[in-house]
């Protein structure tokens, strides 16, 4: 079984008001990863996810594009130690 890892994404650009979070949840559910996504007051979207590294790489790749209405200009990626604290993927 693949080792479970954790990644933190900070996504910048036109990423609010374009269904970014709803589409992130759909992608996370499809990839069977856990965590959460939320809008920040800075206009960015923050996403934490845990799962097998290959699945997390797919959500990172998706995060660079987002949904069709989004215009992503930057994605900060920070790999972190998995704390096992997520039971599902939530939109906050």
C-alpha atoms as a PDB file:
ATOM      1  CA  UNK A   1       0.000   0.000   0.000  1.00  0.00           C
ATOM      2  CA  UNK A   2       1.268   3.474  -0.887  1.00  0.00           C
ATOM      3  CA  UNK A   3       2.489   5.731   1.893  1.00  0.00           C
ATOM      4  CA  UNK A   4      -0.006   8.449   2.812  1.00  0.00           C
ATOM      5  CA  UNK A   5       1.438  11.937   2.451  1.00  0.00           C
ATOM      6  CA  UNK A   6       0.157  15.459   3.007  1.00  0.00           C
ATOM      7  CA  UNK A   7       0.382  18.521   0.795  1.00  0.00           C
ATOM      8  CA  UNK A   8      -0.565  22.163   1.319  1.00  0.00           C
ATOM      9  CA  UNK A   9      -1.425  24.316  -1.702  1.00  0.00           C
ATOM     10  CA  UNK A  10      -1.818  28.081  -1.845  1.00  0.00           C
ATOM     11  CA  UNK A  11      -3.394  28.933  -5.187  1.00  0.00           C
ATOM     12  CA  UNK A  12      -3.331  32.471  -6.584  1.00  0.00           C
ATOM     13  CA  UNK A  13      -5.041  34.163  -9.517  1.00  0.00           C
ATOM     14  CA  UNK A  14      -8.721  34.437 -10.424  1.00  0.00           C
ATOM     15  CA  UNK A  15      -9.681  31.523  -8.195  1.00  0.00           C
ATOM     16  CA  UNK A  16     -12.664  32.806  -6.218  1.00  0.00           C
ATOM     17  CA  UNK A  17     -16.172  33.072  -7.651  1.00  0.00           C
ATOM     18  CA  UNK A  18     -15.340  30.481 -10.334  1.00  0.00           C
ATOM     19  CA  UNK A  19     -16.467  27.287  -8.521  1.00  0.00           C
ATOM     20  CA  UNK A  20     -12.858  26.431  -7.638  1.00  0.00           C
ATOM     21  CA  UNK A  21     -13.700  24.870  -4.270  1.00  0.00           C
ATOM     22  CA  UNK A  22     -16.638  22.813  -5.563  1.00  0.00           C
ATOM     23  CA  UNK A  23     -14.522  21.481  -8.412  1.00  0.00           C
ATOM     24  CA  UNK A  24     -11.602  20.794  -6.064  1.00  0.00           C
ATOM     25  CA  UNK A  25     -13.948  18.649  -3.951  1.00  0.00           C
ATOM     26  CA  UNK A  26     -15.122  16.739  -7.030  1.00  0.00           C
ATOM     27  CA  UNK A  27     -11.515  16.085  -8.024  1.00  0.00           C
ATOM     28  CA  UNK A  28     -10.521  15.090  -4.480  1.00  0.00           C
ATOM     29  CA  UNK A  29     -13.469  12.690  -4.238  1.00  0.00           C
ATOM     30  CA  UNK A  30     -12.560  11.208  -7.619  1.00  0.00           C
ATOM     31  CA  UNK A  31      -8.950  10.736  -6.484  1.00  0.00           C
ATOM     32  CA  UNK A  32     -10.081   9.442  -3.054  1.00  0.00           C
ATOM     33  CA  UNK A  33      -7.997  11.951  -1.147  1.00  0.00           C
ATOM     34  CA  UNK A  34      -8.950  13.662   2.109  1.00  0.00           C
ATOM     35  CA  UNK A  35      -8.535  17.199   3.408  1.00  0.00           C
ATOM     36  CA  UNK A  36     -10.178  20.560   2.834  1.00  0.00           C
ATOM     37  CA  UNK A  37     -10.291  23.621   0.589  1.00  0.00           C
ATOM     38  CA  UNK A  38     -11.272  27.184   1.481  1.00  0.00           C
ATOM     39  CA  UNK A  39     -11.212  30.754   0.197  1.00  0.00           C
ATOM     40  CA  UNK A  40      -8.858  33.191   1.896  1.00  0.00           C
ATOM     41  CA  UNK A  41      -9.463  36.910   2.437  1.00  0.00           C
ATOM     42  CA  UNK A  42      -6.379  37.509   0.247  1.00  0.00           C
ATOM     43  CA  UNK A  43      -8.327  36.237  -2.788  1.00  0.00           C
ATOM     44  CA  UNK A  44      -6.374  32.978  -2.816  1.00  0.00           C
ATOM     45  CA  UNK A  45      -7.605  29.434  -2.328  1.00  0.00           C
ATOM     46  CA  UNK A  46      -5.963  27.213   0.287  1.00  0.00           C
ATOM     47  CA  UNK A  47      -6.071  23.428  -0.023  1.00  0.00           C
ATOM     48  CA  UNK A  48      -4.776  20.711   2.312  1.00  0.00           C
ATOM     49  CA  UNK A  49      -4.868  17.133   1.101  1.00  0.00           C
ATOM     50  CA  UNK A  50      -3.691  13.721   2.268  1.00  0.00           C
ATOM     51  CA  UNK A  51      -3.401  10.543   0.259  1.00  0.00           C
ATOM     52  CA  UNK A  52      -0.951   8.490  -1.790  1.00  0.00           C
ATOM     53  CA  UNK A  53       1.732  10.679  -3.382  1.00  0.00           C
ATOM     54  CA  UNK A  54       0.619   9.833  -6.933  1.00  0.00           C
ATOM     55  CA  UNK A  55      -2.927  10.987  -6.181  1.00  0.00           C
ATOM     56  CA  UNK A  56      -1.653  14.174  -4.529  1.00  0.00           C
ATOM     57  CA  UNK A  57       0.453  14.932  -7.595  1.00  0.00           C
ATOM     58  CA  UNK A  58      -2.750  14.762  -9.642  1.00  0.00           C
ATOM     59  CA  UNK A  59      -4.561  17.290  -7.413  1.00  0.00           C
ATOM     60  CA  UNK A  60      -1.494  19.562  -7.599  1.00  0.00           C
ATOM     61  CA  UNK A  61      -1.538  19.305 -11.396  1.00  0.00           C
ATOM     62  CA  UNK A  62      -5.264  20.062 -11.409  1.00  0.00           C
ATOM     63  CA  UNK A  63      -4.660  23.025  -9.077  1.00  0.00           C
ATOM     64  CA  UNK A  64      -2.430  24.658 -11.690  1.00  0.00           C
ATOM     65  CA  UNK A  65      -5.450  24.779 -14.043  1.00  0.00           C
ATOM     66  CA  UNK A  66      -8.533  24.740 -11.839  1.00  0.00           C
ATOM     67  CA  UNK A  67     -12.011  24.844 -13.359  1.00  0.00           C
ATOM     68  CA  UNK A  68     -12.549  26.419 -16.813  1.00  0.00           C
ATOM     69  CA  UNK A  69     -13.486  29.865 -15.429  1.00  0.00           C
ATOM     70  CA  UNK A  70     -10.359  30.139 -13.249  1.00  0.00           C
ATOM     71  CA  UNK A  71      -7.089  31.788 -14.196  1.00  0.00           C
ATOM     72  CA  UNK A  72      -4.356  30.370 -11.952  1.00  0.00           C
ATOM     73  CA  UNK A  73      -1.197  32.476 -11.822  1.00  0.00           C
ATOM     74  CA  UNK A  74       0.728  30.709  -9.040  1.00  0.00           C
ATOM     75  CA  UNK A  75       0.577  27.567  -6.906  1.00  0.00           C
ATOM     76  CA  UNK A  76       2.760  27.310  -3.805  1.00  0.00           C
ATOM     77  CA  UNK A  77       3.262  23.648  -2.864  1.00  0.00           C
ATOM     78  CA  UNK A  78       4.481  22.517   0.540  1.00  0.00           C
ATOM     79  CA  UNK A  79       4.842  18.828   1.350  1.00  0.00           C
ATOM     80  CA  UNK A  80       4.215  18.082   5.015  1.00  0.00           C
ATOM     81  CA  UNK A  81       4.060  15.164   7.414  1.00  0.00           C
ATOM     82  CA  UNK A  82       0.721  13.352   7.375  1.00  0.00           C
ATOM     83  CA  UNK A  83      -1.038  13.777  10.710  1.00  0.00           C
ATOM     84  CA  UNK A  84      -3.939  11.456   9.894  1.00  0.00           C
ATOM     85  CA  UNK A  85      -6.424  14.142  10.881  1.00  0.00           C
ATOM     86  CA  UNK A  86      -8.707  14.134   7.828  1.00  0.00           C
ATOM     87  CA  UNK A  87     -11.656  11.757   7.436  1.00  0.00           C
ATOM     88  CA  UNK A  88     -13.094  13.196   4.216  1.00  0.00           C
ATOM     89  CA  UNK A  89     -12.603  16.139   1.845  1.00  0.00           C
ATOM     90  CA  UNK A  90     -14.553  19.232   2.858  1.00  0.00           C
ATOM     91  CA  UNK A  91     -15.281  22.646   1.388  1.00  0.00           C
ATOM     92  CA  UNK A  92     -14.857  25.199   4.173  1.00  0.00           C
END
